[in-house]
């Protein structure tokens, strides 16, 4: 992930962030063989997926509703996750 411009967070070594501006960033959660990518810019996310798939066998699943025992709820109208 470091090769792709991400920095590992100090609080949790499974969380990586790539920040261009305060409003434009990608958060990537990586745990064993599970990955969750979050960000506002879908083009940046798609580009990251393409680059990662060149090095790793990846399978894209449907919208994440659970990860690591946590339920994910979102309200796009209010911009909440």
PDB file of N, CA and C in Angstrom:
ATOM      1  N   UNK A   1       0.817  -1.186   0.000  1.00  0.00           N
ATOM      2  CA  UNK A   1       0.000   0.000   0.000  1.00  0.00           C
ATOM      3  C   UNK A   1       0.868   1.259   0.000  1.00  0.00           C
ATOM      4  N   UNK A   2       2.023   1.152   0.615  1.00  0.00           N
ATOM      5  CA  UNK A   2       2.937   2.291   0.627  1.00  0.00           C
ATOM      6  C   UNK A   2       3.360   2.660  -0.792  1.00  0.00           C
ATOM      7  N   UNK A   3       3.517   1.650  -1.643  1.00  0.00           N
ATOM      8  CA  UNK A   3       3.889   1.860  -3.042  1.00  0.00           C
ATOM      9  C   UNK A   3       2.822   2.666  -3.793  1.00  0.00           C
ATOM     10  N   UNK A   4       1.572   2.575  -3.347  1.00  0.00           N
ATOM     11  CA  UNK A   4       0.461   3.265  -3.995  1.00  0.00           C
ATOM     12  C   UNK A   4       0.168   4.617  -3.339  1.00  0.00           C
ATOM     13  N   UNK A   5       1.085   5.096  -2.494  1.00  0.00           N
ATOM     14  CA  UNK A   5       0.933   6.420  -1.902  1.00  0.00           C
ATOM     15  C   UNK A   5       0.152   6.465  -0.612  1.00  0.00           C
ATOM     16  N   UNK A   6      -0.123   5.311  -0.016  1.00  0.00           N
ATOM     17  CA  UNK A   6      -0.871   5.269   1.234  1.00  0.00           C
ATOM     18  C   UNK A   6       0.087   5.305   2.415  1.00  0.00           C
ATOM     19  N   UNK A   7      -0.417   5.824   3.530  1.00  0.00           N
ATOM     20  CA  UNK A   7       0.329   5.818   4.779  1.00  0.00           C
ATOM     21  C   UNK A   7      -0.458   5.014   5.801  1.00  0.00           C
ATOM     22  N   UNK A   8       0.240   4.177   6.543  1.00  0.00           N
ATOM     23  CA  UNK A   8      -0.392   3.365   7.587  1.00  0.00           C
ATOM     24  C   UNK A   8      -0.667   4.268   8.787  1.00  0.00           C
ATOM     25  N   UNK A   9      -1.863   4.155   9.362  1.00  0.00           N
ATOM     26  CA  UNK A   9      -2.188   4.968  10.527  1.00  0.00           C
ATOM     27  C   UNK A   9      -1.466   4.434  11.757  1.00  0.00           C
ATOM     28  N   UNK A  10      -1.195   5.308  12.687  1.00  0.00           N
ATOM     29  CA  UNK A  10      -0.521   4.911  13.919  1.00  0.00           C
ATOM     30  C   UNK A  10      -1.469   4.203  14.881  1.00  0.00           C
ATOM     31  N   UNK A  11      -2.749   4.552  14.825  1.00  0.00           N
ATOM     32  CA  UNK A  11      -3.727   3.955  15.746  1.00  0.00           C
ATOM     33  C   UNK A  11      -4.049   2.511  15.417  1.00  0.00           C
ATOM     34  N   UNK A  12      -4.090   2.193  14.137  1.00  0.00           N
ATOM     35  CA  UNK A  12      -4.431   0.834  13.715  1.00  0.00           C
ATOM     36  C   UNK A  12      -3.653   0.523  12.450  1.00  0.00           C
ATOM     37  N   UNK A  13      -2.809  -0.487  12.507  1.00  0.00           N
ATOM     38  CA  UNK A  13      -1.946  -0.811  11.375  1.00  0.00           C
ATOM     39  C   UNK A  13      -2.684  -1.504  10.233  1.00  0.00           C
ATOM     40  N   UNK A  14      -3.985  -1.716  10.383  1.00  0.00           N
ATOM     41  CA  UNK A  14      -4.795  -2.276   9.303  1.00  0.00           C
ATOM     42  C   UNK A  14      -5.475  -1.182   8.484  1.00  0.00           C
ATOM     43  N   UNK A  15      -5.285   0.074   8.887  1.00  0.00           N
ATOM     44  CA  UNK A  15      -5.925   1.196   8.198  1.00  0.00           C
ATOM     45  C   UNK A  15      -4.864   2.018   7.487  1.00  0.00           C
ATOM     46  N   UNK A  16      -5.099   2.255   6.200  1.00  0.00           N
ATOM     47  CA  UNK A  16      -4.193   3.050   5.374  1.00  0.00           C
ATOM     48  C   UNK A  16      -4.968   4.238   4.826  1.00  0.00           C
ATOM     49  N   UNK A  17      -4.305   5.378   4.697  1.00  0.00           N
ATOM     50  CA  UNK A  17      -4.951   6.569   4.146  1.00  0.00           C
ATOM     51  C   UNK A  17      -4.068   7.201   3.085  1.00  0.00           C
ATOM     52  N   UNK A  18      -4.735   7.708   2.054  1.00  0.00           N
ATOM     53  CA  UNK A  18      -4.059   8.520   1.038  1.00  0.00           C
ATOM     54  C   UNK A  18      -4.865   9.808   0.931  1.00  0.00           C
ATOM     55  N   UNK A  19      -4.220  10.917   1.261  1.00  0.00           N
ATOM     56  CA  UNK A  19      -4.916  12.191   1.355  1.00  0.00           C
ATOM     57  C   UNK A  19      -4.305  13.186   0.376  1.00  0.00           C
ATOM     58  N   UNK A  20      -5.151  13.729  -0.496  1.00  0.00           N
ATOM     59  CA  UNK A  20      -4.708  14.780  -1.428  1.00  0.00           C
ATOM     60  C   UNK A  20      -5.021  16.145  -0.832  1.00  0.00           C
ATOM     61  N   UNK A  21      -6.258  16.308  -0.382  1.00  0.00           N
ATOM     62  CA  UNK A  21      -6.695  17.526   0.287  1.00  0.00           C
ATOM     63  C   UNK A  21      -7.525  17.113   1.488  1.00  0.00           C
ATOM     64  N   UNK A  22      -7.951  18.086   2.288  1.00  0.00           N
ATOM     65  CA  UNK A  22      -8.786  17.768   3.449  1.00  0.00           C
ATOM     66  C   UNK A  22     -10.100  17.104   3.028  1.00  0.00           C
ATOM     67  N   UNK A  23     -10.601  17.458   1.852  1.00  0.00           N
ATOM     68  CA  UNK A  23     -11.876  16.914   1.379  1.00  0.00           C
ATOM     69  C   UNK A  23     -11.704  15.703   0.464  1.00  0.00           C
ATOM     70  N   UNK A  24     -10.513  15.476  -0.051  1.00  0.00           N
ATOM     71  CA  UNK A  24     -10.306  14.373  -1.000  1.00  0.00           C
ATOM     72  C   UNK A  24      -9.285  13.386  -0.440  1.00  0.00           C
ATOM     73  N   UNK A  25      -9.802  12.226  -0.045  1.00  0.00           N
ATOM     74  CA  UNK A  25      -8.942  11.197   0.525  1.00  0.00           C
ATOM     75  C   UNK A  25      -9.566   9.829   0.302  1.00  0.00           C
ATOM     76  N   UNK A  26      -8.752   8.801   0.445  1.00  0.00           N
ATOM     77  CA  UNK A  26      -9.218   7.417   0.377  1.00  0.00           C
ATOM     78  C   UNK A  26      -8.746   6.720   1.641  1.00  0.00           C
ATOM     79  N   UNK A  27      -9.658   5.995   2.271  1.00  0.00           N
ATOM     80  CA  UNK A  27      -9.335   5.173   3.430  1.00  0.00           C
ATOM     81  C   UNK A  27      -9.463   3.724   2.999  1.00  0.00           C
ATOM     82  N   UNK A  28      -8.453   2.930   3.307  1.00  0.00           N
ATOM     83  CA  UNK A  28      -8.447   1.520   2.941  1.00  0.00           C
ATOM     84  C   UNK A  28      -8.241   0.708   4.216  1.00  0.00           C
ATOM     85  N   UNK A  29      -9.190  -0.166   4.511  1.00  0.00           N
ATOM     86  CA  UNK A  29      -9.077  -1.054   5.657  1.00  0.00           C
ATOM     87  C   UNK A  29      -8.681  -2.419   5.128  1.00  0.00           C
ATOM     88  N   UNK A  30      -7.628  -2.972   5.665  1.00  0.00           N
ATOM     89  CA  UNK A  30      -7.093  -4.246   5.180  1.00  0.00           C
ATOM     90  C   UNK A  30      -6.898  -5.185   6.350  1.00  0.00           C
ATOM     91  N   UNK A  31      -7.588  -6.311   6.316  1.00  0.00           N
ATOM     92  CA  UNK A  31      -7.457  -7.305   7.375  1.00  0.00           C
ATOM     93  C   UNK A  31      -7.413  -8.683   6.736  1.00  0.00           C
ATOM     94  N   UNK A  32      -6.283  -9.340   6.809  1.00  0.00           N
ATOM     95  CA  UNK A  32      -6.019 -10.647   6.208  1.00  0.00           C
ATOM     96  C   UNK A  32      -6.384 -10.604   4.723  1.00  0.00           C
ATOM     97  N   UNK A  33      -7.536 -11.152   4.337  1.00  0.00           N
ATOM     98  CA  UNK A  33      -7.910 -11.141   2.921  1.00  0.00           C
ATOM     99  C   UNK A  33      -9.182 -10.324   2.668  1.00  0.00           C
ATOM    100  N   UNK A  34      -9.546  -9.479   3.614  1.00  0.00           N
ATOM    101  CA  UNK A  34     -10.701  -8.590   3.443  1.00  0.00           C
ATOM    102  C   UNK A  34     -10.209  -7.159   3.274  1.00  0.00           C
ATOM    103  N   UNK A  35     -10.852  -6.437   2.370  1.00  0.00           N
ATOM    104  CA  UNK A  35     -10.473  -5.055   2.113  1.00  0.00           C
ATOM    105  C   UNK A  35     -11.738  -4.227   1.943  1.00  0.00           C
ATOM    106  N   UNK A  36     -11.723  -3.043   2.524  1.00  0.00           N
ATOM    107  CA  UNK A  36     -12.818  -2.102   2.375  1.00  0.00           C
ATOM    108  C   UNK A  36     -12.200  -0.768   1.981  1.00  0.00           C
ATOM    109  N   UNK A  37     -12.688  -0.185   0.888  1.00  0.00           N
ATOM    110  CA  UNK A  37     -12.169   1.084   0.393  1.00  0.00           C
ATOM    111  C   UNK A  37     -13.273   2.124   0.501  1.00  0.00           C
ATOM    112  N   UNK A  38     -12.932   3.277   1.104  1.00  0.00           N
ATOM    113  CA  UNK A  38     -13.907   4.354   1.272  1.00  0.00           C
ATOM    114  C   UNK A  38     -13.318   5.659   0.749  1.00  0.00           C
ATOM    115  N   UNK A  39     -14.171   6.465   0.153  1.00  0.00           N
ATOM    116  CA  UNK A  39     -13.757   7.772  -0.325  1.00  0.00           C
ATOM    117  C   UNK A  39     -14.884   8.411  -1.105  1.00  0.00           C
ATOM    118  N   UNK A  40     -14.771   9.702  -1.358  1.00  0.00           N
ATOM    119  CA  UNK A  40     -15.808  10.426  -2.096  1.00  0.00           C
ATOM    120  C   UNK A  40     -15.620  10.334  -3.607  1.00  0.00           C
ATOM    121  N   UNK A  41     -14.368  10.243  -4.057  1.00  0.00           N
ATOM    122  CA  UNK A  41     -14.072  10.276  -5.484  1.00  0.00           C
ATOM    123  C   UNK A  41     -14.083   8.848  -6.052  1.00  0.00           C
ATOM    124  N   UNK A  42     -15.181   8.491  -6.708  1.00  0.00           N
ATOM    125  CA  UNK A  42     -15.312   7.125  -7.228  1.00  0.00           C
ATOM    126  C   UNK A  42     -14.280   6.832  -8.321  1.00  0.00           C
ATOM    127  N   UNK A  43     -13.862   7.849  -9.074  1.00  0.00           N
ATOM    128  CA  UNK A  43     -12.836   7.627 -10.100  1.00  0.00           C
ATOM    129  C   UNK A  43     -11.510   7.223  -9.465  1.00  0.00           C
ATOM    130  N   UNK A  44     -11.143   7.873  -8.355  1.00  0.00           N
ATOM    131  CA  UNK A  44      -9.909   7.524  -7.639  1.00  0.00           C
ATOM    132  C   UNK A  44      -9.998   6.092  -7.098  1.00  0.00           C
ATOM    133  N   UNK A  45     -11.152   5.728  -6.580  1.00  0.00           N
ATOM    134  CA  UNK A  45     -11.343   4.381  -6.035  1.00  0.00           C
ATOM    135  C   UNK A  45     -11.240   3.347  -7.142  1.00  0.00           C
ATOM    136  N   UNK A  46     -11.874   3.601  -8.278  1.00  0.00           N
ATOM    137  CA  UNK A  46     -11.812   2.660  -9.397  1.00  0.00           C
ATOM    138  C   UNK A  46     -10.381   2.516  -9.905  1.00  0.00           C
ATOM    139  N   UNK A  47      -9.644   3.625  -9.979  1.00  0.00           N
ATOM    140  CA  UNK A  47      -8.243   3.580 -10.399  1.00  0.00           C
ATOM    141  C   UNK A  47      -7.417   2.740  -9.434  1.00  0.00           C
ATOM    142  N   UNK A  48      -7.651   2.910  -8.147  1.00  0.00           N
ATOM    143  CA  UNK A  48      -6.940   2.115  -7.147  1.00  0.00           C
ATOM    144  C   UNK A  48      -7.254   0.628  -7.312  1.00  0.00           C
ATOM    145  N   UNK A  49      -8.506   0.293  -7.526  1.00  0.00           N
ATOM    146  CA  UNK A  49      -8.898  -1.112  -7.710  1.00  0.00           C
ATOM    147  C   UNK A  49      -8.203  -1.726  -8.917  1.00  0.00           C
ATOM    148  N   UNK A  50      -8.124  -0.979  -9.998  1.00  0.00           N
ATOM    149  CA  UNK A  50      -7.449  -1.471 -11.204  1.00  0.00           C
ATOM    150  C   UNK A  50      -5.975  -1.731 -10.914  1.00  0.00           C
ATOM    151  N   UNK A  51      -5.316  -0.772 -10.251  1.00  0.00           N
ATOM    152  CA  UNK A  51      -3.889  -0.937  -9.958  1.00  0.00           C
ATOM    153  C   UNK A  51      -3.633  -2.092  -8.990  1.00  0.00           C
ATOM    154  N   UNK A  52      -4.494  -2.252  -7.994  1.00  0.00           N
ATOM    155  CA  UNK A  52      -4.324  -3.353  -7.047  1.00  0.00           C
ATOM    156  C   UNK A  52      -4.560  -4.707  -7.716  1.00  0.00           C
ATOM    157  N   UNK A  53      -5.525  -4.756  -8.631  1.00  0.00           N
ATOM    158  CA  UNK A  53      -5.829  -6.024  -9.300  1.00  0.00           C
ATOM    159  C   UNK A  53      -4.703  -6.462 -10.232  1.00  0.00           C
ATOM    160  N   UNK A  54      -3.798  -5.548 -10.580  1.00  0.00           N
ATOM    161  CA  UNK A  54      -2.635  -5.933 -11.386  1.00  0.00           C
ATOM    162  C   UNK A  54      -1.637  -6.749 -10.574  1.00  0.00           C
ATOM    163  N   UNK A  55      -1.692  -6.612  -9.247  1.00  0.00           N
ATOM    164  CA  UNK A  55      -0.760  -7.307  -8.365  1.00  0.00           C
ATOM    165  C   UNK A  55      -1.398  -8.400  -7.509  1.00  0.00           C
ATOM    166  N   UNK A  56      -2.702  -8.332  -7.338  1.00  0.00           N
ATOM    167  CA  UNK A  56      -3.392  -9.262  -6.453  1.00  0.00           C
ATOM    168  C   UNK A  56      -4.639  -9.802  -7.138  1.00  0.00           C
ATOM    169  N   UNK A  57      -4.967 -11.043  -6.834  1.00  0.00           N
ATOM    170  CA  UNK A  57      -6.230 -11.596  -7.296  1.00  0.00           C
ATOM    171  C   UNK A  57      -7.322 -11.005  -6.417  1.00  0.00           C
ATOM    172  N   UNK A  58      -8.260 -10.333  -7.054  1.00  0.00           N
ATOM    173  CA  UNK A  58      -9.306  -9.645  -6.303  1.00  0.00           C
ATOM    174  C   UNK A  58     -10.680 -10.024  -6.822  1.00  0.00           C
ATOM    175  N   UNK A  59     -11.626 -10.006  -5.899  1.00  0.00           N
ATOM    176  CA  UNK A  59     -13.020 -10.242  -6.248  1.00  0.00           C
ATOM    177  C   UNK A  59     -13.830  -9.120  -5.618  1.00  0.00           C
ATOM    178  N   UNK A  60     -14.594  -8.405  -6.436  1.00  0.00           N
ATOM    179  CA  UNK A  60     -15.408  -7.317  -5.904  1.00  0.00           C
ATOM    180  C   UNK A  60     -16.769  -7.859  -5.523  1.00  0.00           C
ATOM    181  N   UNK A  61     -17.119  -7.614  -4.290  1.00  0.00           N
ATOM    182  CA  UNK A  61     -18.418  -8.036  -3.791  1.00  0.00           C
ATOM    183  C   UNK A  61     -19.379  -6.858  -3.862  1.00  0.00           C
ATOM    184  N   UNK A  62     -20.614  -7.115  -3.506  1.00  0.00           N
ATOM    185  CA  UNK A  62     -21.636  -6.069  -3.523  1.00  0.00           C
ATOM    186  C   UNK A  62     -21.332  -5.036  -2.439  1.00  0.00           C
ATOM    187  N   UNK A  63     -22.151  -4.071  -2.306  1.00  0.00           N
ATOM    188  CA  UNK A  63     -22.001  -3.007  -1.302  1.00  0.00           C
ATOM    189  C   UNK A  63     -21.794  -3.625   0.078  1.00  0.00           C
ATOM    190  N   UNK A  64     -20.814  -3.130   0.806  1.00  0.00           N
ATOM    191  CA  UNK A  64     -20.494  -3.664   2.126  1.00  0.00           C
ATOM    192  C   UNK A  64     -21.598  -3.315   3.123  1.00  0.00           C
ATOM    193  N   UNK A  65     -22.084  -4.335   3.811  1.00  0.00           N
ATOM    194  CA  UNK A  65     -23.063  -4.138   4.873  1.00  0.00           C
ATOM    195  C   UNK A  65     -22.501  -4.572   6.220  1.00  0.00           C
ATOM    196  N   UNK A  66     -21.503  -5.463   6.179  1.00  0.00           N
ATOM    197  CA  UNK A  66     -20.833  -5.942   7.392  1.00  0.00           C
ATOM    198  C   UNK A  66     -19.353  -6.123   7.090  1.00  0.00           C
ATOM    199  N   UNK A  67     -18.504  -5.835   8.067  1.00  0.00           N
ATOM    200  CA  UNK A  67     -17.087  -6.159   7.964  1.00  0.00           C
ATOM    201  C   UNK A  67     -16.560  -6.357   9.377  1.00  0.00           C
ATOM    202  N   UNK A  68     -15.868  -7.453   9.566  1.00  0.00           N
ATOM    203  CA  UNK A  68     -15.259  -7.782  10.851  1.00  0.00           C
ATOM    204  C   UNK A  68     -16.248  -7.677  12.011  1.00  0.00           C
ATOM    205  N   UNK A  69     -17.470  -8.159  11.783  1.00  0.00           N
ATOM    206  CA  UNK A  69     -18.486  -8.171  12.825  1.00  0.00           C
ATOM    207  C   UNK A  69     -19.191  -6.847  13.055  1.00  0.00           C
ATOM    208  N   UNK A  70     -18.869  -5.836  12.256  1.00  0.00           N
ATOM    209  CA  UNK A  70     -19.517  -4.529  12.408  1.00  0.00           C
ATOM    210  C   UNK A  70     -20.526  -4.322  11.292  1.00  0.00           C
ATOM    211  N   UNK A  71     -21.657  -3.739  11.637  1.00  0.00           N
ATOM    212  CA  UNK A  71     -22.678  -3.411  10.648  1.00  0.00           C
ATOM    213  C   UNK A  71     -22.400  -2.016  10.102  1.00  0.00           C
ATOM    214  N   UNK A  72     -22.500  -1.867   8.791  1.00  0.00           N
ATOM    215  CA  UNK A  72     -22.257  -0.585   8.140  1.00  0.00           C
ATOM    216  C   UNK A  72     -23.596   0.001   7.709  1.00  0.00           C
ATOM    217  N   UNK A  73     -23.881   1.195   8.181  1.00  0.00           N
ATOM    218  CA  UNK A  73     -25.098   1.902   7.783  1.00  0.00           C
ATOM    219  C   UNK A  73     -24.680   3.209   7.149  1.00  0.00           C
ATOM    220  N   UNK A  74     -25.364   3.595   6.076  1.00  0.00           N
ATOM    221  CA  UNK A  74     -25.027   4.842   5.400  1.00  0.00           C
ATOM    222  C   UNK A  74     -26.287   5.630   5.066  1.00  0.00           C
ATOM    223  N   UNK A  75     -26.122   6.928   5.052  1.00  0.00           N
ATOM    224  CA  UNK A  75     -27.170   7.841   4.636  1.00  0.00           C
ATOM    225  C   UNK A  75     -26.524   8.813   3.665  1.00  0.00           C
ATOM    226  N   UNK A  76     -26.641   8.484   2.390  1.00  0.00           N
ATOM    227  CA  UNK A  76     -25.964   9.299   1.366  1.00  0.00           C
ATOM    228  C   UNK A  76     -26.516  10.727   1.311  1.00  0.00           C
ATOM    229  N   UNK A  77     -27.805  10.892   1.549  1.00  0.00           N
ATOM    230  CA  UNK A  77     -28.412  12.227   1.508  1.00  0.00           C
ATOM    231  C   UNK A  77     -27.761  13.154   2.545  1.00  0.00           C
ATOM    232  N   UNK A  78     -27.441  12.608   3.704  1.00  0.00           N
ATOM    233  CA  UNK A  78     -26.817  13.403   4.773  1.00  0.00           C
ATOM    234  C   UNK A  78     -25.293  13.264   4.784  1.00  0.00           C
ATOM    235  N   UNK A  79     -24.771  12.407   3.931  1.00  0.00           N
ATOM    236  CA  UNK A  79     -23.322  12.201   3.864  1.00  0.00           C
ATOM    237  C   UNK A  79     -22.776  11.494   5.091  1.00  0.00           C
ATOM    238  N   UNK A  80     -23.553  10.580   5.645  1.00  0.00           N
ATOM    239  CA  UNK A  80     -23.164   9.884   6.866  1.00  0.00           C
ATOM    240  C   UNK A  80     -22.858   8.420   6.606  1.00  0.00           C
ATOM    241  N   UNK A  81     -21.902   7.903   7.339  1.00  0.00           N
ATOM    242  CA  UNK A  81     -21.555   6.477   7.294  1.00  0.00           C
ATOM    243  C   UNK A  81     -21.474   5.979   8.707  1.00  0.00           C
TER     244      UNK A  81
END
